Amino acid sequence: MSRPARESDEGPTFRNPLHGGIFADPFVLKFNCRYYAYGTPPPGKALPVLRSVDLVHWEKAGELMGRPAAGLSHWAPEVAYDNGRFFLYYSAGGAEGEGQQLRVAVGESPTGPFDEDLGLLDPDDPFTIDAHPFHDDDGQWYLFYSRDFLDAEPVGTGIVVDKLLDMSKLGGERTTVMRPHADWHLFERNRRWYDRVWDWYTVEGPFVRKHDGRYWCLYSGGAWKAENYGISSAVADDPLGPFEPVEGSDTADVLRTVPDRVIGPGHGSVTVAPDNLTEYLVYHAWDLGQTGRYMCADRLVWSHDRPQSPGPRTDPQPSPPQPMLSDLFEAGCGDAQLEHWQLQGRWEVGSGQLFQPGDAEPATAVVRAQTPQSFLFEVNVAARSHSSSRPAGMYGALASYHDGANYTAVSLQPEAGLLCWQTHEAGVLASSGELTRLRADFRAEAYHQLLLRREGPRVHVRLDGVSVGPVGADLGPGAVGLISTGAPVAFAGVALSDLRVDH
């Protein structure tokens, strides 16, 4: 089933499906510029994880935990990263859905093992599936998931949301996102469930994307085994709702069956291409023989202020776009690996990381390529101190660099509990400011993402997906790069994209 990328006159292409194995309910986590895919295996098999650097070529990376007990299955895993730990959300129960309930486990790696079980998320509900942890840009986490509604017509599975008090505890004040409301949501007529016979309808598989200040919940509806299964969306001004179905959702308006080509595309997640700009909808679809559900991906585009996709596609299409510069620090060691960088101070490279031993004097790694006037710069960094106290010094990203005496940096300062910016002119600190205070439990030795976006004279900064505001200085032209002063650090995954390029 797997179809590798190939070159065309316009560049590399790929074809769906992405992977040759059965891989239902796919969720893709992007971490340190690498991709990890999680999915539902055949009944009785262990939850799998795949790994990729380009969203096209995938390799097996192991299993998340052991196989379920005889007669049981694990469904629809999603993994969230928070402050150094990875949280696996999944449901466990019977192979046909009997007694499926949401659980959460924790691990130290995106590939597991997730052997520390934190228990049930909603123990009083007899049926909960399809957990989707959503991290808002103010730092609050929410959990969207599906449960059964029996109190009014149409009867069936719907979607709810609740705040997460921490990564394993719900607030206990869930609200309804959506119940079935359209004919295409029919799961099965005369279904026997809860010791009764019903005409059963289903909406499930939520995934939330914030776009232009509004919250879009992509969801799947219908019978996952049948041609009516597809993806549509609802929208709200707040993650707790109320959500309203988009106009035209009387059909699956984002993805639907294409006769004689693709059957039942659904349960999607959204990720970004390596350029950090181009969005992709990753979903499963049946092959024509319905031997299994396989992982596919198509562009997600915003048209008339709503999510749409040209998929489901099976023809060759352009591979996900790359940034103008990307470095995973993987291939080999030594100076040849650092040809993209202008170095000052001591640096070492290996094991997918760029290390700085922590000399007192600043060490910088500046991108050699000309930095565009408008850019998106991703930097993933972790302290390497092994003490229990927060490390001294500062480290982070160069937002505008002219030479060792003239630059502006955005730096983590864990000892002070701050993320700050500083501008140096002629070797003297000219201006500085606080961007945000670090959370009280900030783990400096965990990887944290700095995302710098420049459009105009200022740089807007996000830390671990949370918006912390603009650098308070009007920056002139200058290069971007990495910096460390008095702190042993490691960088893993750096990407620079030109915002002027048409994506």
Protein backbone atom coordinates (compact mmCIF):
# COMPACT_ATOMS: atom_id res chain seq x y z
CA MET A 1 0.00 0.00 0.00
CA SER A 2 2.89 2.41 0.68
CA ARG A 3 3.77 4.68 -2.24
CA PRO A 4 7.12 6.46 -1.90
CA ALA A 5 7.77 10.02 -2.93
CA ARG A 6 9.19 10.60 -6.39
CA GLU A 7 10.51 13.51 -8.37
CA SER A 8 8.45 15.33 -10.99
CA ASP A 9 9.27 18.33 -13.15
CA GLU A 10 7.85 20.50 -10.37
CA GLY A 11 9.73 18.75 -7.54
CA PRO A 12 9.16 15.76 -5.24
CA THR A 13 5.68 14.27 -5.00
CA PHE A 14 3.89 11.67 -2.92
CA ARG A 15 0.75 9.56 -3.16
CA ASN A 16 -1.67 8.35 -0.52
CA PRO A 17 -1.63 6.22 1.52
CA LEU A 18 1.48 7.29 3.41
CA HIS A 19 2.26 3.97 5.07
CA GLY A 20 1.77 0.36 4.08
CA GLY A 21 0.32 -0.88 7.35
CA ILE A 22 -3.19 -0.61 8.73
CA PHE A 23 -3.20 2.61 10.73
CA ALA A 24 -6.63 3.95 11.72
CA ASP A 25 -7.46 7.18 13.61
CA PRO A 26 -4.04 8.72 12.86
CA PHE A 27 -2.73 11.53 15.04
CA VAL A 28 0.55 13.30 14.23
CA LEU A 29 2.70 15.04 16.86
CA LYS A 30 5.43 17.42 15.68
CA PHE A 31 8.22 17.57 18.24
CA ASN A 32 11.71 19.05 17.78
CA CYS A 33 11.09 19.32 14.01
CA ARG A 34 10.34 15.60 13.75
CA TYR A 35 7.00 13.84 13.29
CA TYR A 36 5.48 11.00 15.27
CA ALA A 37 2.27 9.25 14.19
CA TYR A 38 -0.02 7.27 16.48
CA GLY A 39 -2.96 5.15 15.39
CA THR A 40 -5.45 2.40 16.18
CA PRO A 41 -4.06 -1.07 15.38
CA PRO A 42 -6.03 -4.18 14.42
CA PRO A 43 -7.91 -5.73 17.39
CA GLY A 44 -5.64 -7.21 20.03
CA LYS A 45 -2.47 -5.53 18.73
CA ALA A 46 -0.32 -3.01 20.60
CA LEU A 47 -0.58 0.73 19.88
CA PRO A 48 2.02 1.58 17.22
CA VAL A 49 4.15 4.67 16.67
CA LEU A 50 5.76 5.77 13.40
CA ARG A 51 8.47 8.38 12.84
CA SER A 52 9.22 10.76 9.95
CA VAL A 53 11.15 13.93 9.17
CA ASP A 54 9.13 15.02 6.13
CA LEU A 55 5.54 13.74 6.64
CA VAL A 56 6.00 11.39 3.65
CA HIS A 57 8.57 8.73 4.53
CA TRP A 58 7.60 6.85 7.69
CA GLU A 59 9.39 4.17 9.66
CA LYS A 60 8.26 2.03 12.56
CA ALA A 61 9.48 3.43 15.87
CA GLY A 62 8.10 0.86 18.29
CA GLU A 63 5.01 0.26 20.40
CA LEU A 64 3.63 2.60 23.05
CA MET A 65 2.72 -0.09 25.57
CA GLY A 66 2.03 -3.80 25.75
CA ARG A 67 -0.79 -5.59 23.98
CA PRO A 68 -4.24 -5.36 25.55
CA ALA A 69 -5.64 -8.38 27.36
CA ALA A 70 -7.50 -11.00 25.33
CA GLY A 71 -10.77 -9.69 23.91
CA LEU A 72 -9.84 -6.03 24.52
CA SER A 73 -8.61 -3.25 22.25
CA HIS A 74 -6.95 0.15 22.52
CA TRP A 75 -8.37 2.92 20.33
CA ALA A 76 -7.46 6.33 18.91
CA PRO A 77 -4.28 7.38 20.73
CA GLU A 78 -3.16 11.00 20.88
CA VAL A 79 0.00 12.27 22.56
CA ALA A 80 0.52 15.72 24.10
CA TYR A 81 3.87 17.14 25.18
CA ASP A 82 4.01 19.36 28.24
CA ASN A 83 7.10 20.57 30.12
CA GLY A 84 9.26 17.53 29.43
CA ARG A 85 6.69 14.75 29.63
CA PHE A 86 4.53 13.05 27.02
CA PHE A 87 0.93 12.19 27.87
CA LEU A 88 -0.81 9.38 25.99
CA TYR A 89 -4.60 9.62 25.77
CA TYR A 90 -6.45 6.55 24.49
CA SER A 91 -9.49 4.39 25.21
CA ALA A 92 -9.49 0.78 26.37
CA GLY A 93 -12.33 -1.71 26.17
CA GLY A 94 -13.98 -4.30 23.97
CA ALA A 95 -13.07 -4.76 20.33
CA GLU A 96 -16.52 -3.57 19.19
CA GLY A 97 -16.66 -0.67 21.63
CA GLU A 98 -18.05 -2.43 24.70
CA GLY A 99 -16.92 -0.61 27.82
CA GLN A 100 -14.44 1.65 26.03
CA GLN A 101 -13.26 4.36 28.45
CA LEU A 102 -10.57 7.02 28.24
CA ARG A 103 -7.28 6.57 30.02
CA VAL A 104 -4.05 8.56 30.22
CA ALA A 105 -0.47 7.36 30.66
CA VAL A 106 2.81 9.24 30.82
CA GLY A 107 6.27 8.72 29.36
CA GLU A 108 9.58 10.49 28.82
CA SER A 109 9.82 10.03 25.04
CA PRO A 110 7.43 10.47 22.10
CA THR A 111 8.01 6.81 21.25
CA GLY A 112 7.30 5.60 24.78
CA PRO A 113 7.19 3.43 26.67
CA PHE A 114 4.10 4.81 28.39
CA ASP A 115 4.24 2.47 31.34
CA GLU A 116 3.04 4.88 34.06
CA ASP A 117 -0.76 4.66 33.96
CA LEU A 118 -2.54 7.68 35.47
CA GLY A 119 -6.00 6.12 35.36
CA LEU A 120 -9.42 6.85 33.91
CA LEU A 121 -10.25 10.39 32.83
CA ASP A 122 -14.04 10.19 33.18
CA PRO A 123 -14.69 7.10 35.34
CA ASP A 124 -18.40 7.72 35.82
CA ASP A 125 -19.20 7.63 32.10
CA PRO A 126 -19.63 4.09 30.69
CA PHE A 127 -18.46 5.01 27.16
CA THR A 128 -15.80 7.61 26.30
CA ILE A 129 -13.49 7.56 23.26
CA ASP A 130 -11.43 9.76 20.91
CA ALA A 131 -9.66 12.04 23.37
CA HIS A 132 -8.15 15.16 21.84
CA PRO A 133 -6.01 17.39 24.12
CA PHE A 134 -6.08 20.98 22.84
CA HIS A 135 -3.54 23.58 24.00
CA ASP A 136 -4.79 27.15 23.62
CA ASP A 137 -2.32 29.97 23.01
CA ASP A 138 -2.96 31.35 26.52
CA GLY A 139 -1.53 28.12 27.99
CA GLN A 140 -4.79 26.43 29.05
CA TRP A 141 -5.30 22.79 28.12
CA TYR A 142 -8.71 21.34 27.20
CA LEU A 143 -9.86 17.82 26.46
CA PHE A 144 -12.34 17.17 23.66
CA TYR A 145 -13.77 13.66 23.53
CA SER A 146 -16.80 11.60 22.51
CA ARG A 147 -19.50 10.04 24.67
CA ASP A 148 -23.00 8.61 24.22
CA PHE A 149 -26.23 10.63 24.53
CA LEU A 150 -29.47 8.73 25.21
CA ASP A 151 -31.76 11.49 26.44
CA ALA A 152 -33.21 12.89 23.20
CA GLU A 153 -33.45 12.24 19.47
CA PRO A 154 -31.34 11.58 17.61
CA VAL A 155 -29.76 9.09 19.99
CA GLY A 156 -26.06 8.41 19.57
CA THR A 157 -22.47 9.44 20.11
CA GLY A 158 -21.58 13.12 20.42
CA ILE A 159 -18.65 15.35 21.38
CA VAL A 160 -17.97 17.18 24.66
CA VAL A 161 -15.19 19.35 26.06
CA ASP A 162 -13.81 20.02 29.53
CA LYS A 163 -10.89 21.96 30.95
CA LEU A 164 -7.86 19.99 32.08
CA LEU A 165 -6.84 21.00 35.61
CA ASP A 166 -3.62 19.16 34.94
CA MET A 167 -2.69 16.76 32.17
CA SER A 168 -4.54 13.85 33.81
CA LYS A 169 -7.48 15.50 35.60
CA LEU A 170 -10.65 16.97 34.12
CA GLY A 171 -12.36 19.99 35.63
CA GLY A 172 -15.66 18.10 35.90
CA GLU A 173 -17.75 20.73 34.08
CA ARG A 174 -17.92 19.32 30.59
CA THR A 175 -20.05 21.05 27.98
CA THR A 176 -21.55 19.66 24.79
CA VAL A 177 -19.72 20.57 21.60
CA MET A 178 -21.97 18.72 19.19
CA ARG A 179 -24.55 16.00 18.98
CA PRO A 180 -25.59 14.23 15.76
CA HIS A 181 -27.88 16.48 13.74
CA ALA A 182 -27.72 15.42 10.08
CA ASP A 183 -28.87 12.40 8.09
CA TRP A 184 -25.29 11.55 7.08
CA HIS A 185 -24.43 11.02 10.77
CA LEU A 186 -26.39 7.74 10.77
CA PHE A 187 -24.28 4.94 12.25
CA GLU A 188 -26.74 2.05 12.16
CA ARG A 189 -30.48 1.51 12.08
CA ASN A 190 -31.91 -0.88 14.66
CA ARG A 191 -28.65 -1.06 16.56
CA ARG A 192 -28.74 -3.04 19.80
CA TRP A 193 -26.84 -1.02 22.41
CA TYR A 194 -27.41 -0.57 26.14
CA ASP A 195 -29.88 -3.50 25.99
CA ARG A 196 -32.16 -1.61 23.64
CA VAL A 197 -32.64 -1.18 19.91
CA TRP A 198 -32.06 2.30 18.46
CA ASP A 199 -31.56 4.16 15.23
CA TRP A 200 -28.04 5.22 16.21
CA TYR A 201 -26.21 8.34 14.98
CA THR A 202 -22.57 9.27 15.55
CA VAL A 203 -20.24 12.26 15.51
CA GLU A 204 -16.74 11.58 16.84
CA GLY A 205 -13.02 12.06 16.27
CA PRO A 206 -12.77 15.75 17.31
CA PHE A 207 -9.73 17.83 16.44
CA VAL A 208 -9.56 21.56 17.22
CA ARG A 209 -7.67 24.22 15.30
CA LYS A 210 -7.61 27.92 16.22
CA HIS A 211 -7.75 30.17 13.15
CA ASP A 212 -8.10 33.95 13.11
CA GLY A 213 -9.24 34.00 16.72
CA ARG A 214 -11.99 31.37 16.32
CA TYR A 215 -12.02 27.72 17.33
CA TRP A 216 -12.76 25.16 14.63
CA CYS A 217 -13.67 21.62 15.64
CA LEU A 218 -13.14 19.15 12.83
CA TYR A 219 -15.20 16.03 13.45
CA SER A 220 -16.15 12.79 11.74
CA GLY A 221 -19.68 11.51 11.37
CA GLY A 222 -21.56 8.43 10.20
CA ALA A 223 -20.57 4.77 10.22
CA TRP A 224 -16.82 4.24 10.25
CA LYS A 225 -17.25 1.06 8.21
CA ALA A 226 -19.39 2.68 5.49
CA GLU A 227 -19.31 5.20 2.66
CA ASN A 228 -21.22 7.88 4.57
CA TYR A 229 -18.28 8.40 6.95
CA GLY A 230 -16.56 11.76 6.42
CA ILE A 231 -15.28 14.98 8.00
CA SER A 232 -17.01 18.31 8.59
CA SER A 233 -16.54 21.18 11.06
CA ALA A 234 -18.14 23.41 13.67
CA VAL A 235 -16.97 26.79 14.97
CA ALA A 236 -17.03 28.78 18.24
CA ASP A 237 -15.60 31.94 19.73
CA ASP A 238 -14.46 30.09 22.87
CA PRO A 239 -12.98 26.59 23.29
CA LEU A 240 -15.86 25.75 25.65
CA GLY A 241 -18.38 26.78 23.01
CA PRO A 242 -21.09 27.11 22.04
CA PHE A 243 -20.10 25.46 18.74
CA GLU A 244 -22.23 25.89 15.65
CA PRO A 245 -22.07 23.59 12.61
CA VAL A 246 -20.82 25.40 9.55
CA GLU A 247 -23.26 26.13 6.78
CA GLY A 248 -23.43 23.15 4.48
CA SER A 249 -22.64 20.55 7.16
CA ASP A 250 -25.72 18.59 6.08
CA THR A 251 -23.02 16.74 4.14
CA ALA A 252 -19.42 15.88 4.99
CA ASP A 253 -18.02 19.09 3.52
CA VAL A 254 -14.29 18.73 4.31
CA LEU A 255 -13.70 15.10 3.23
CA ARG A 256 -16.09 12.49 1.90
CA THR A 257 -16.11 9.23 -0.05
CA VAL A 258 -15.06 9.40 -3.70
CA PRO A 259 -16.75 6.46 -5.45
CA ASP A 260 -14.35 3.90 -6.96
CA ARG A 261 -11.37 5.65 -5.37
CA VAL A 262 -11.58 6.27 -1.60
CA ILE A 263 -14.07 4.94 0.95
CA GLY A 264 -14.94 6.59 4.27
CA PRO A 265 -12.15 9.15 4.88
CA GLY A 266 -12.28 10.32 8.47
CA HIS A 267 -10.93 10.82 12.00
CA GLY A 268 -8.42 13.46 11.02
CA SER A 269 -5.76 15.46 12.81
CA VAL A 270 -3.99 18.60 11.62
CA THR A 271 -0.26 19.21 11.52
CA VAL A 272 2.07 21.61 9.73
CA ALA A 273 4.61 20.79 7.04
CA PRO A 274 8.32 21.14 7.78
CA ASP A 275 8.03 24.79 6.70
CA ASN A 276 5.83 25.38 9.81
CA LEU A 277 3.32 27.19 7.61
CA THR A 278 1.51 24.77 5.32
CA GLU A 279 -1.23 22.77 7.04
CA TYR A 280 -2.03 19.13 6.35
CA LEU A 281 -5.05 17.07 7.30
CA VAL A 282 -3.91 13.55 8.26
CA TYR A 283 -6.73 11.00 8.23
CA HIS A 284 -7.55 7.38 7.54
CA ALA A 285 -9.44 5.90 4.59
CA TRP A 286 -10.44 2.44 3.43
CA ASP A 287 -8.90 0.86 0.36
CA LEU A 288 -11.42 -0.21 -2.25
CA GLY A 289 -11.34 -3.80 -1.03
CA GLN A 290 -11.97 -2.57 2.53
CA THR A 291 -9.10 -4.66 3.86
CA GLY A 292 -8.16 -1.93 6.32
CA ARG A 293 -7.95 1.78 7.07
CA TYR A 294 -4.71 3.44 5.99
CA MET A 295 -3.04 6.75 6.86
CA CYS A 296 -3.38 9.52 4.27
CA ALA A 297 -2.66 13.25 4.12
CA ASP A 298 -3.91 16.18 2.05
CA ARG A 299 -3.59 19.94 2.28
CA LEU A 300 -5.89 21.76 4.67
CA VAL A 301 -6.75 25.16 3.25
CA TRP A 302 -8.84 28.06 4.52
CA SER A 303 -11.35 29.26 1.96
CA HIS A 304 -14.18 31.68 2.74
CA ASP A 305 -12.98 31.56 6.39
CA ARG A 306 -13.60 27.84 6.79
CA PRO A 307 -11.43 24.71 6.62
CA GLN A 308 -11.49 22.79 3.35
CA SER A 309 -9.38 20.17 1.63
CA PRO A 310 -8.85 19.10 -1.99
CA GLY A 311 -8.76 15.51 -0.73
CA PRO A 312 -9.17 12.68 -0.50
CA ARG A 313 -6.52 12.35 -3.21
CA THR A 314 -4.83 9.25 -4.58
CA ASP A 315 -2.98 10.93 -7.47
CA PRO A 316 0.58 12.28 -7.15
CA GLN A 317 0.71 15.61 -5.33
CA PRO A 318 3.54 17.93 -4.27
CA SER A 319 5.38 16.82 -1.16
CA PRO A 320 4.96 18.99 1.94
CA PRO A 321 7.11 22.12 1.52
CA GLN A 322 10.42 22.48 3.30
CA PRO A 323 11.76 25.55 5.12
CA MET A 324 14.58 27.57 3.59
CA LEU A 325 16.83 26.07 6.27
CA SER A 326 16.35 23.11 8.57
CA ASP A 327 18.85 21.35 10.80
CA LEU A 328 18.16 18.21 12.82
CA PHE A 329 21.87 17.76 13.65
CA GLU A 330 21.65 14.11 12.64
CA ALA A 331 24.08 13.23 9.86
CA GLY A 332 27.62 12.74 11.10
CA CYS A 333 29.66 14.88 13.48
CA GLY A 334 32.20 17.64 13.35
CA ASP A 335 32.55 20.83 11.38
CA ALA A 336 31.02 19.43 8.18
CA GLN A 337 27.71 19.03 9.99
CA LEU A 338 27.75 22.74 10.88
CA GLU A 339 28.31 24.18 7.43
CA HIS A 340 25.04 26.15 7.68
CA TRP A 341 26.29 28.05 10.71
CA GLN A 342 28.76 30.80 11.52
CA LEU A 343 30.12 29.75 14.91
CA GLN A 344 31.58 31.67 17.82
CA GLY A 345 32.60 29.80 20.98
CA ARG A 346 32.59 26.06 21.64
CA TRP A 347 30.03 23.81 19.96
CA GLU A 348 29.70 20.05 19.56
CA VAL A 349 27.23 18.08 17.46
CA GLY A 350 25.92 14.53 17.66
CA SER A 351 22.92 12.32 18.46
CA GLY A 352 20.54 14.73 16.81
CA GLN A 353 21.60 17.65 19.02
CA LEU A 354 23.89 20.69 18.94
CA PHE A 355 25.65 21.05 22.30
CA GLN A 356 27.15 24.10 23.97
CA PRO A 357 29.28 23.19 27.02
CA GLY A 358 28.47 26.39 28.92
CA ASP A 359 31.48 28.68 28.82
CA ALA A 360 31.14 32.04 30.58
CA GLU A 361 31.52 33.96 27.33
CA PRO A 362 28.63 34.02 24.85
CA ALA A 363 28.60 31.30 22.25
CA THR A 364 26.60 31.92 19.09
CA ALA A 365 25.63 29.95 16.01
CA VAL A 366 24.40 32.32 13.31
CA VAL A 367 22.60 31.16 10.16
CA ARG A 368 24.89 31.76 7.18
CA ALA A 369 22.06 32.10 4.67
CA GLN A 370 20.62 35.58 4.31
CA THR A 371 17.73 35.98 6.71
CA PRO A 372 14.55 37.20 4.97
CA GLN A 373 12.87 40.39 6.13
CA SER A 374 9.79 38.40 7.20
CA PHE A 375 10.46 35.01 8.72
CA LEU A 376 9.36 32.23 11.03
CA PHE A 377 12.20 30.80 13.15
CA GLU A 378 11.76 27.67 15.27
CA VAL A 379 14.31 26.82 17.97
CA ASN A 380 14.07 23.85 20.35
CA VAL A 381 16.40 24.06 23.34
CA ALA A 382 17.07 22.38 26.70
CA ALA A 383 19.51 23.03 29.54
CA ARG A 384 22.03 20.27 30.24
CA SER A 385 22.57 20.93 33.94
CA HIS A 386 22.18 17.86 36.15
CA SER A 387 21.69 19.75 39.40
CA SER A 388 18.32 20.02 41.08
CA SER A 389 18.46 23.83 40.99
CA ARG A 390 17.69 25.92 37.97
CA PRO A 391 20.76 26.61 35.85
CA ALA A 392 22.39 30.00 35.79
CA GLY A 393 23.01 31.85 32.56
CA MET A 394 20.74 32.40 29.59
CA TYR A 395 20.12 30.74 26.24
CA GLY A 396 17.76 30.95 23.31
CA ALA A 397 17.44 32.55 19.87
CA LEU A 398 19.09 35.44 18.09
CA ALA A 399 16.34 37.59 16.60
CA SER A 400 18.63 40.08 14.84
CA TYR A 401 22.42 39.63 14.67
CA HIS A 402 25.01 41.91 13.06
CA ASP A 403 28.17 40.89 14.92
CA GLY A 404 29.24 39.79 18.38
CA ALA A 405 28.73 43.28 19.74
CA ASN A 406 25.44 44.17 18.05
CA TYR A 407 22.47 41.82 18.33
CA THR A 408 19.05 41.24 19.86
CA ALA A 409 18.36 37.92 21.60
CA VAL A 410 15.31 36.22 23.09
CA SER A 411 16.58 34.20 26.04
CA LEU A 412 15.36 31.79 28.67
CA GLN A 413 16.74 32.65 32.11
CA PRO A 414 15.57 29.74 34.31
CA GLU A 415 17.42 30.88 37.43
CA ALA A 416 15.40 34.11 37.37
CA GLY A 417 12.27 32.36 36.11
CA LEU A 418 12.01 34.65 33.08
CA LEU A 419 11.91 34.75 29.31
CA CYS A 420 13.49 38.06 28.28
CA TRP A 421 14.81 39.98 25.32
CA GLN A 422 18.01 42.01 25.24
CA THR A 423 19.56 44.32 22.65
CA HIS A 424 23.32 44.89 22.66
CA GLU A 425 24.92 47.78 20.81
CA ALA A 426 28.69 48.14 20.52
CA GLY A 427 29.04 45.43 23.15
CA VAL A 428 26.90 47.27 25.71
CA LEU A 429 23.40 46.32 26.88
CA ALA A 430 21.25 48.99 25.24
CA SER A 431 17.73 47.80 26.14
CA SER A 432 15.97 44.81 27.62
CA GLY A 433 12.56 43.65 28.77
CA GLU A 434 10.59 40.79 30.25
CA LEU A 435 8.44 38.77 27.84
CA THR A 436 6.93 36.41 30.41
CA ARG A 437 7.52 34.71 33.72
CA LEU A 438 8.21 31.02 33.45
CA ARG A 439 5.74 28.64 35.07
CA ALA A 440 6.61 27.69 38.64
CA ASP A 441 7.30 24.06 37.68
CA PHE A 442 9.35 24.97 34.59
CA ARG A 443 11.74 22.10 33.82
CA ALA A 444 14.85 23.66 32.35
CA GLU A 445 16.28 20.29 31.31
CA ALA A 446 13.20 19.56 29.20
CA TYR A 447 13.02 20.70 25.61
CA HIS A 448 11.14 23.96 25.07
CA GLN A 449 10.20 25.58 21.79
CA LEU A 450 10.81 29.21 20.91
CA LEU A 451 8.96 30.37 17.81
CA LEU A 452 9.88 33.80 16.47
CA ARG A 453 7.71 35.39 13.80
CA ARG A 454 8.75 38.62 12.16
CA GLU A 455 6.48 40.68 9.92
CA GLY A 456 7.62 44.30 10.16
CA PRO A 457 9.97 45.88 12.68
CA ARG A 458 9.10 43.63 15.63
CA VAL A 459 9.35 39.94 16.40
CA HIS A 460 6.40 38.15 17.99
CA VAL A 461 7.38 35.29 20.27
CA ARG A 462 5.73 32.07 21.39
CA LEU A 463 7.10 29.81 24.11
CA ASP A 464 5.81 26.22 23.91
CA GLY A 465 2.89 27.42 21.81
CA VAL A 466 1.90 30.19 24.22
CA SER A 467 1.91 33.73 22.86
CA VAL A 468 4.14 35.94 25.03
CA GLY A 469 4.04 39.12 22.96
CA PRO A 470 6.42 41.10 20.73
CA VAL A 471 10.03 41.98 21.38
CA GLY A 472 9.85 45.59 22.53
CA ALA A 473 12.35 47.02 20.08
CA ASP A 474 12.18 48.06 16.45
CA LEU A 475 14.61 45.65 14.85
CA GLY A 476 16.55 46.48 11.76
CA PRO A 477 17.80 43.83 9.35
CA GLY A 478 19.96 41.09 10.81
CA ALA A 479 20.58 37.37 10.88
CA VAL A 480 18.94 34.81 13.14
CA GLY A 481 20.70 32.15 15.16
CA LEU A 482 21.31 30.49 18.51
CA ILE A 483 22.94 31.86 21.65
CA SER A 484 24.11 30.61 25.04
CA THR A 485 25.81 32.50 27.84
CA GLY A 486 27.07 30.66 30.91
CA ALA A 487 24.71 27.71 30.54
CA PRO A 488 25.36 24.24 29.09
CA VAL A 489 22.55 23.68 26.58
CA ALA A 490 21.47 21.47 23.69
CA PHE A 491 19.50 22.45 20.59
CA ALA A 492 17.48 19.81 18.71
CA GLY A 493 15.59 20.88 15.61
CA VAL A 494 15.90 24.34 14.05
CA ALA A 495 13.88 25.61 11.09
CA LEU A 496 13.79 28.95 9.28
CA SER A 497 11.00 29.81 6.80
CA ASP A 498 10.52 32.81 4.55
CA LEU A 499 7.05 34.29 5.07
CA ARG A 500 7.23 36.03 1.70
CA VAL A 501 7.16 32.70 -0.13
CA ASP A 502 3.70 31.72 -1.39
CA HIS A 503 2.52 28.76 0.68
